[in-house]
Amino acid sequence: MVITLMIGSFVAILNQTQMISALPTLMHEFDVPSSTVQWLTTGFMLTNGIMIPITAFLIETFTTRQLFLYAMGIFAE
């Protein structure tokens, strides 16, 4: 369990680092100012903040198998 939590924390930090390093490229490719691109960081952090309690609720409500099958069904379409 601890290893899973450590890997999840590492992936979250890695995702944020990758997004931050991509901001200059996004600004250049889409020809937008930095203030507009900063909303990507804000949206990313808000989404993470909202999904953490939702994930805790889903884990308490459904089994791991059900969650996996629902997720695969949603993303496979």
PDB file of N, CA and C in Angstrom:
ATOM      1  N   MET A   1       0.826  -1.189   0.000  1.00  0.00           N
ATOM      2  CA  MET A   1       0.000   0.000   0.000  1.00  0.00           C
ATOM      3  C   MET A   1       0.872   1.255   0.000  1.00  0.00           C
ATOM      4  N   VAL A   2       1.912   1.245   0.805  1.00  0.00           N
ATOM      5  CA  VAL A   2       2.789   2.412   0.894  1.00  0.00           C
ATOM      6  C   VAL A   2       3.501   2.639  -0.439  1.00  0.00           C
ATOM      7  N   ILE A   3       3.923   1.571  -1.076  1.00  0.00           N
ATOM      8  CA  ILE A   3       4.596   1.699  -2.374  1.00  0.00           C
ATOM      9  C   ILE A   3       3.645   2.297  -3.409  1.00  0.00           C
ATOM     10  N   THR A   4       2.395   1.867  -3.388  1.00  0.00           N
ATOM     11  CA  THR A   4       1.399   2.420  -4.316  1.00  0.00           C
ATOM     12  C   THR A   4       1.206   3.907  -4.078  1.00  0.00           C
ATOM     13  N   LEU A   5       1.127   4.318  -2.821  1.00  0.00           N
ATOM     14  CA  LEU A   5       0.981   5.743  -2.503  1.00  0.00           C
ATOM     15  C   LEU A   5       2.204   6.543  -2.943  1.00  0.00           C
ATOM     16  N   MET A   6       3.383   5.963  -2.760  1.00  0.00           N
ATOM     17  CA  MET A   6       4.606   6.660  -3.168  1.00  0.00           C
ATOM     18  C   MET A   6       4.664   6.819  -4.690  1.00  0.00           C
ATOM     19  N   ILE A   7       4.283   5.783  -5.411  1.00  0.00           N
ATOM     20  CA  ILE A   7       4.268   5.869  -6.874  1.00  0.00           C
ATOM     21  C   ILE A   7       3.237   6.893  -7.337  1.00  0.00           C
ATOM     22  N   GLY A   8       2.057   6.898  -6.707  1.00  0.00           N
ATOM     23  CA  GLY A   8       1.035   7.882  -7.057  1.00  0.00           C
ATOM     24  C   GLY A   8       1.492   9.313  -6.800  1.00  0.00           C
ATOM     25  N   SER A   9       2.170   9.534  -5.692  1.00  0.00           N
ATOM     26  CA  SER A   9       2.686  10.873  -5.391  1.00  0.00           C
ATOM     27  C   SER A   9       3.743  11.287  -6.406  1.00  0.00           C
ATOM     28  N   PHE A  10       4.615  10.356  -6.756  1.00  0.00           N
ATOM     29  CA  PHE A  10       5.651  10.657  -7.749  1.00  0.00           C
ATOM     30  C   PHE A  10       5.040  11.004  -9.100  1.00  0.00           C
ATOM     31  N   VAL A  11       4.037  10.256  -9.514  1.00  0.00           N
ATOM     32  CA  VAL A  11       3.398  10.514 -10.812  1.00  0.00           C
ATOM     33  C   VAL A  11       2.690  11.869 -10.806  1.00  0.00           C
ATOM     34  N   ALA A  12       2.067  12.239  -9.696  1.00  0.00           N
ATOM     35  CA  ALA A  12       1.410  13.548  -9.614  1.00  0.00           C
ATOM     36  C   ALA A  12       2.430  14.675  -9.746  1.00  0.00           C
ATOM     37  N   ILE A  13       3.563  14.547  -9.061  1.00  0.00           N
ATOM     38  CA  ILE A  13       4.610  15.569  -9.170  1.00  0.00           C
ATOM     39  C   ILE A  13       5.182  15.599 -10.582  1.00  0.00           C
ATOM     40  N   LEU A  14       5.377  14.425 -11.174  1.00  0.00           N
ATOM     41  CA  LEU A  14       5.897  14.342 -12.537  1.00  0.00           C
ATOM     42  C   LEU A  14       4.944  14.989 -13.533  1.00  0.00           C
ATOM     43  N   ASN A  15       3.642  14.760 -13.372  1.00  0.00           N
ATOM     44  CA  ASN A  15       2.654  15.379 -14.272  1.00  0.00           C
ATOM     45  C   ASN A  15       2.703  16.898 -14.197  1.00  0.00           C
ATOM     46  N   GLN A  16       2.787  17.423 -12.989  1.00  0.00           N
ATOM     47  CA  GLN A  16       2.824  18.873 -12.842  1.00  0.00           C
ATOM     48  C   GLN A  16       4.114  19.443 -13.425  1.00  0.00           C
ATOM     49  N   THR A  17       5.223  18.757 -13.236  1.00  0.00           N
ATOM     50  CA  THR A  17       6.499  19.209 -13.797  1.00  0.00           C
ATOM     51  C   THR A  17       6.460  19.202 -15.315  1.00  0.00           C
ATOM     52  N   GLN A  18       5.888  18.176 -15.892  1.00  0.00           N
ATOM     53  CA  GLN A  18       5.789  18.104 -17.349  1.00  0.00           C
ATOM     54  C   GLN A  18       4.904  19.222 -17.892  1.00  0.00           C
ATOM     55  N   MET A  19       3.812  19.515 -17.196  1.00  0.00           N
ATOM     56  CA  MET A  19       2.928  20.574 -17.661  1.00  0.00           C
ATOM     57  C   MET A  19       3.630  21.933 -17.603  1.00  0.00           C
ATOM     58  N   ILE A  20       4.355  22.181 -16.520  1.00  0.00           N
ATOM     59  CA  ILE A  20       5.039  23.466 -16.375  1.00  0.00           C
ATOM     60  C   ILE A  20       6.105  23.637 -17.449  1.00  0.00           C
ATOM     61  N   SER A  21       6.819  22.560 -17.766  1.00  0.00           N
ATOM     62  CA  SER A  21       7.853  22.669 -18.802  1.00  0.00           C
ATOM     63  C   SER A  21       7.251  22.813 -20.193  1.00  0.00           C
ATOM     64  N   ALA A  22       5.988  22.435 -20.371  1.00  0.00           N
ATOM     65  CA  ALA A  22       5.333  22.558 -21.672  1.00  0.00           C
ATOM     66  C   ALA A  22       4.704  23.934 -21.881  1.00  0.00           C
ATOM     67  N   LEU A  23       4.596  24.749 -20.841  1.00  0.00           N
ATOM     68  CA  LEU A  23       3.918  26.047 -20.972  1.00  0.00           C
ATOM     69  C   LEU A  23       4.551  26.974 -22.019  1.00  0.00           C
ATOM     70  N   PRO A  24       5.867  27.119 -22.084  1.00  0.00           N
ATOM     71  CA  PRO A  24       6.426  27.995 -23.127  1.00  0.00           C
ATOM     72  C   PRO A  24       6.098  27.515 -24.547  1.00  0.00           C
ATOM     73  N   THR A  25       6.109  26.199 -24.745  1.00  0.00           N
ATOM     74  CA  THR A  25       5.759  25.660 -26.059  1.00  0.00           C
ATOM     75  C   THR A  25       4.298  25.931 -26.386  1.00  0.00           C
ATOM     76  N   LEU A  26       3.428  25.758 -25.404  1.00  0.00           N
ATOM     77  CA  LEU A  26       2.005  26.043 -25.626  1.00  0.00           C
ATOM     78  C   LEU A  26       1.786  27.518 -25.949  1.00  0.00           C
ATOM     79  N   MET A  27       2.505  28.396 -25.243  1.00  0.00           N
ATOM     80  CA  MET A  27       2.372  29.831 -25.512  1.00  0.00           C
ATOM     81  C   MET A  27       2.786  30.142 -26.948  1.00  0.00           C
ATOM     82  N   HIS A  28       3.855  29.525 -27.400  1.00  0.00           N
ATOM     83  CA  HIS A  28       4.348  29.794 -28.754  1.00  0.00           C
ATOM     84  C   HIS A  28       3.423  29.196 -29.813  1.00  0.00           C
ATOM     85  N   GLU A  29       3.021  27.936 -29.624  1.00  0.00           N
ATOM     86  CA  GLU A  29       2.209  27.246 -30.630  1.00  0.00           C
ATOM     87  C   GLU A  29       0.822  27.867 -30.789  1.00  0.00           C
ATOM     88  N   PHE A  30       0.196  28.245 -29.691  1.00  0.00           N
ATOM     89  CA  PHE A  30      -1.152  28.795 -29.754  1.00  0.00           C
ATOM     90  C   PHE A  30      -1.184  30.317 -29.759  1.00  0.00           C
ATOM     91  N   ASP A  31      -0.012  30.926 -29.680  1.00  0.00           N
ATOM     92  CA  ASP A  31       0.114  32.387 -29.720  1.00  0.00           C
ATOM     93  C   ASP A  31      -0.789  33.061 -28.680  1.00  0.00           C
ATOM     94  N   VAL A  32      -0.588  32.646 -27.421  1.00  0.00           N
ATOM     95  CA  VAL A  32      -1.369  33.210 -26.319  1.00  0.00           C
ATOM     96  C   VAL A  32      -0.409  33.775 -25.271  1.00  0.00           C
ATOM     97  N   PRO A  33      -0.858  34.760 -24.496  1.00  0.00           N
ATOM     98  CA  PRO A  33       0.013  35.330 -23.453  1.00  0.00           C
ATOM     99  C   PRO A  33       0.141  34.396 -22.249  1.00  0.00           C
ATOM    100  N   SER A  34       1.116  34.690 -21.407  1.00  0.00           N
ATOM    101  CA  SER A  34       1.369  33.839 -20.244  1.00  0.00           C
ATOM    102  C   SER A  34       0.203  33.849 -19.260  1.00  0.00           C
ATOM    103  N   SER A  35      -0.522  34.948 -19.182  1.00  0.00           N
ATOM    104  CA  SER A  35      -1.657  34.995 -18.250  1.00  0.00           C
ATOM    105  C   SER A  35      -2.743  33.995 -18.650  1.00  0.00           C
ATOM    106  N   THR A  36      -2.911  33.771 -19.929  1.00  0.00           N
ATOM    107  CA  THR A  36      -3.899  32.795 -20.394  1.00  0.00           C
ATOM    108  C   THR A  36      -3.425  31.372 -20.111  1.00  0.00           C
ATOM    109  N   VAL A  37      -2.148  31.120 -20.325  1.00  0.00           N
ATOM    110  CA  VAL A  37      -1.613  29.775 -20.132  1.00  0.00           C
ATOM    111  C   VAL A  37      -1.558  29.430 -18.642  1.00  0.00           C
ATOM    112  N   GLN A  38      -1.459  30.421 -17.772  1.00  0.00           N
ATOM    113  CA  GLN A  38      -1.445  30.147 -16.337  1.00  0.00           C
ATOM    114  C   GLN A  38      -2.747  29.496 -15.882  1.00  0.00           C
ATOM    115  N   TRP A  39      -3.823  29.711 -16.614  1.00  0.00           N
ATOM    116  CA  TRP A  39      -5.086  29.083 -16.259  1.00  0.00           C
ATOM    117  C   TRP A  39      -5.003  27.567 -16.391  1.00  0.00           C
ATOM    118  N   LEU A  40      -4.098  27.064 -17.228  1.00  0.00           N
ATOM    119  CA  LEU A  40      -3.902  25.614 -17.305  1.00  0.00           C
ATOM    120  C   LEU A  40      -3.418  25.063 -15.969  1.00  0.00           C
ATOM    121  N   THR A  41      -2.466  25.751 -15.360  1.00  0.00           N
ATOM    122  CA  THR A  41      -1.958  25.318 -14.063  1.00  0.00           C
ATOM    123  C   THR A  41      -3.053  25.395 -13.006  1.00  0.00           C
ATOM    124  N   THR A  42      -3.816  26.475 -13.016  1.00  0.00           N
ATOM    125  CA  THR A  42      -4.905  26.633 -12.053  1.00  0.00           C
ATOM    126  C   THR A  42      -5.955  25.545 -12.239  1.00  0.00           C
ATOM    127  N   GLY A  43      -6.332  25.291 -13.477  1.00  0.00           N
ATOM    128  CA  GLY A  43      -7.316  24.244 -13.755  1.00  0.00           C
ATOM    129  C   GLY A  43      -6.824  22.867 -13.356  1.00  0.00           C
ATOM    130  N   PHE A  44      -5.546  22.600 -13.609  1.00  0.00           N
ATOM    131  CA  PHE A  44      -4.959  21.313 -13.234  1.00  0.00           C
ATOM    132  C   PHE A  44      -5.008  21.116 -11.725  1.00  0.00           C
ATOM    133  N   MET A  45      -4.635  22.144 -10.979  1.00  0.00           N
ATOM    134  CA  MET A  45      -4.624  22.029  -9.522  1.00  0.00           C
ATOM    135  C   MET A  45      -6.046  21.949  -8.949  1.00  0.00           C
ATOM    136  N   LEU A  46      -6.975  22.690  -9.533  1.00  0.00           N
ATOM    137  CA  LEU A  46      -8.372  22.600  -9.082  1.00  0.00           C
ATOM    138  C   LEU A  46      -8.946  21.217  -9.348  1.00  0.00           C
ATOM    139  N   THR A  47      -8.643  20.662 -10.511  1.00  0.00           N
ATOM    140  CA  THR A  47      -9.128  19.322 -10.839  1.00  0.00           C
ATOM    141  C   THR A  47      -8.570  18.296  -9.864  1.00  0.00           C
ATOM    142  N   ASN A  48      -7.287  18.389  -9.551  1.00  0.00           N
ATOM    143  CA  ASN A  48      -6.700  17.476  -8.564  1.00  0.00           C
ATOM    144  C   ASN A  48      -7.375  17.636  -7.210  1.00  0.00           C
ATOM    145  N   GLY A  49      -7.600  18.859  -6.791  1.00  0.00           N
ATOM    146  CA  GLY A  49      -8.234  19.109  -5.498  1.00  0.00           C
ATOM    147  C   GLY A  49      -9.654  18.595  -5.417  1.00  0.00           C
ATOM    148  N   ILE A  50     -10.365  18.614  -6.530  1.00  0.00           N
ATOM    149  CA  ILE A  50     -11.743  18.118  -6.553  1.00  0.00           C
ATOM    150  C   ILE A  50     -11.768  16.590  -6.618  1.00  0.00           C
ATOM    151  N   MET A  51     -10.855  16.012  -7.368  1.00  0.00           N
ATOM    152  CA  MET A  51     -10.878  14.566  -7.574  1.00  0.00           C
ATOM    153  C   MET A  51     -10.416  13.774  -6.356  1.00  0.00           C
ATOM    154  N   ILE A  52      -9.612  14.352  -5.490  1.00  0.00           N
ATOM    155  CA  ILE A  52      -9.135  13.595  -4.319  1.00  0.00           C
ATOM    156  C   ILE A  52     -10.299  13.175  -3.416  1.00  0.00           C
ATOM    157  N   PRO A  53     -11.208  14.078  -2.997  1.00  0.00           N
ATOM    158  CA  PRO A  53     -12.330  13.609  -2.167  1.00  0.00           C
ATOM    159  C   PRO A  53     -13.312  12.728  -2.935  1.00  0.00           C
ATOM    160  N   ILE A  54     -13.476  12.994  -4.230  1.00  0.00           N
ATOM    161  CA  ILE A  54     -14.378  12.154  -5.019  1.00  0.00           C
ATOM    162  C   ILE A  54     -13.825  10.735  -5.105  1.00  0.00           C
ATOM    163  N   THR A  55     -12.515  10.613  -5.295  1.00  0.00           N
ATOM    164  CA  THR A  55     -11.890   9.298  -5.355  1.00  0.00           C
ATOM    165  C   THR A  55     -12.048   8.557  -4.027  1.00  0.00           C
ATOM    166  N   ALA A  56     -11.876   9.262  -2.917  1.00  0.00           N
ATOM    167  CA  ALA A  56     -12.062   8.626  -1.603  1.00  0.00           C
ATOM    168  C   ALA A  56     -13.493   8.119  -1.446  1.00  0.00           C
ATOM    169  N   PHE A  57     -14.458   8.903  -1.879  1.00  0.00           N
ATOM    170  CA  PHE A  57     -15.860   8.474  -1.809  1.00  0.00           C
ATOM    171  C   PHE A  57     -16.093   7.248  -2.680  1.00  0.00           C
ATOM    172  N   LEU A  58     -15.559   7.256  -3.908  1.00  0.00           N
ATOM    173  CA  LEU A  58     -15.767   6.131  -4.815  1.00  0.00           C
ATOM    174  C   LEU A  58     -15.122   4.852  -4.287  1.00  0.00           C
ATOM    175  N   ILE A  59     -13.942   4.968  -3.673  1.00  0.00           N
ATOM    176  CA  ILE A  59     -13.269   3.800  -3.121  1.00  0.00           C
ATOM    177  C   ILE A  59     -14.069   3.204  -1.967  1.00  0.00           C
ATOM    178  N   GLU A  60     -14.701   4.059  -1.165  1.00  0.00           N
ATOM    179  CA  GLU A  60     -15.526   3.564  -0.065  1.00  0.00           C
ATOM    180  C   GLU A  60     -16.839   2.964  -0.556  1.00  0.00           C
ATOM    181  N   THR A  61     -17.346   3.450  -1.694  1.00  0.00           N
ATOM    182  CA  THR A  61     -18.649   3.027  -2.183  1.00  0.00           C
ATOM    183  C   THR A  61     -18.581   1.770  -3.048  1.00  0.00           C
ATOM    184  N   PHE A  62     -17.591   1.673  -3.928  1.00  0.00           N
ATOM    185  CA  PHE A  62     -17.501   0.579  -4.886  1.00  0.00           C
ATOM    186  C   PHE A  62     -16.274  -0.282  -4.614  1.00  0.00           C
ATOM    187  N   THR A  63     -16.296  -1.488  -5.177  1.00  0.00           N
ATOM    188  CA  THR A  63     -15.116  -2.347  -5.075  1.00  0.00           C
ATOM    189  C   THR A  63     -14.081  -1.911  -6.105  1.00  0.00           C
ATOM    190  N   THR A  64     -12.859  -2.372  -5.907  1.00  0.00           N
ATOM    191  CA  THR A  64     -11.784  -2.034  -6.840  1.00  0.00           C
ATOM    192  C   THR A  64     -12.096  -2.564  -8.239  1.00  0.00           C
ATOM    193  N   ARG A  65     -12.650  -3.747  -8.296  1.00  0.00           N
ATOM    194  CA  ARG A  65     -13.001  -4.342  -9.593  1.00  0.00           C
ATOM    195  C   ARG A  65     -14.045  -3.494 -10.320  1.00  0.00           C
ATOM    196  N   GLN A  66     -15.081  -3.057  -9.609  1.00  0.00           N
ATOM    197  CA  GLN A  66     -16.113  -2.226 -10.227  1.00  0.00           C
ATOM    198  C   GLN A  66     -15.530  -0.913 -10.736  1.00  0.00           C
ATOM    199  N   LEU A  67     -14.701  -0.269  -9.932  1.00  0.00           N
ATOM    200  CA  LEU A  67     -14.090   0.988 -10.358  1.00  0.00           C
ATOM    201  C   LEU A  67     -13.227   0.798 -11.593  1.00  0.00           C
ATOM    202  N   PHE A  68     -12.457  -0.285 -11.619  1.00  0.00           N
ATOM    203  CA  PHE A  68     -11.605  -0.562 -12.772  1.00  0.00           C
ATOM    204  C   PHE A  68     -12.444  -0.773 -14.026  1.00  0.00           C
ATOM    205  N   LEU A  69     -13.487  -1.566 -13.914  1.00  0.00           N
ATOM    206  CA  LEU A  69     -14.331  -1.835 -15.087  1.00  0.00           C
ATOM    207  C   LEU A  69     -15.049  -0.572 -15.567  1.00  0.00           C
ATOM    208  N   TYR A  70     -15.533   0.254 -14.651  1.00  0.00           N
ATOM    209  CA  TYR A  70     -16.178   1.511 -15.040  1.00  0.00           C
ATOM    210  C   TYR A  70     -15.180   2.437 -15.743  1.00  0.00           C
ATOM    211  N   ALA A  71     -13.977   2.542 -15.181  1.00  0.00           N
ATOM    212  CA  ALA A  71     -12.965   3.411 -15.772  1.00  0.00           C
ATOM    213  C   ALA A  71     -12.579   2.930 -17.164  1.00  0.00           C
ATOM    214  N   MET A  72     -12.385   1.638 -17.323  1.00  0.00           N
ATOM    215  CA  MET A  72     -12.038   1.101 -18.642  1.00  0.00           C
ATOM    216  C   MET A  72     -13.172   1.303 -19.630  1.00  0.00           C
ATOM    217  N   GLY A  73     -14.398   1.173 -19.154  1.00  0.00           N
ATOM    218  CA  GLY A  73     -15.558   1.386 -20.028  1.00  0.00           C
ATOM    219  C   GLY A  73     -15.683   2.829 -20.474  1.00  0.00           C
ATOM    220  N   ILE A  74     -15.398   3.761 -19.574  1.00  0.00           N
ATOM    221  CA  ILE A  74     -15.482   5.180 -19.918  1.00  0.00           C
ATOM    222  C   ILE A  74     -14.375   5.584 -20.890  1.00  0.00           C
ATOM    223  N   PHE A  75     -13.161   5.153 -20.623  1.00  0.00           N
ATOM    224  CA  PHE A  75     -12.031   5.588 -21.433  1.00  0.00           C
ATOM    225  C   PHE A  75     -11.871   4.794 -22.721  1.00  0.00           C
ATOM    226  N   ALA A  76     -12.514   3.640 -22.810  1.00  0.00           N
ATOM    227  CA  ALA A  76     -12.399   2.821 -24.024  1.00  0.00           C
ATOM    228  C   ALA A  76     -13.284   3.350 -25.153  1.00  0.00           C
ATOM    229  N   GLU A  77     -14.299   4.113 -24.795  1.00  0.00           N
ATOM    230  CA  GLU A  77     -15.228   4.600 -25.825  1.00  0.00           C
ATOM    231  C   GLU A  77     -14.655   5.698 -26.633  1.00  0.00           C
TER     232      GLU A  77
END
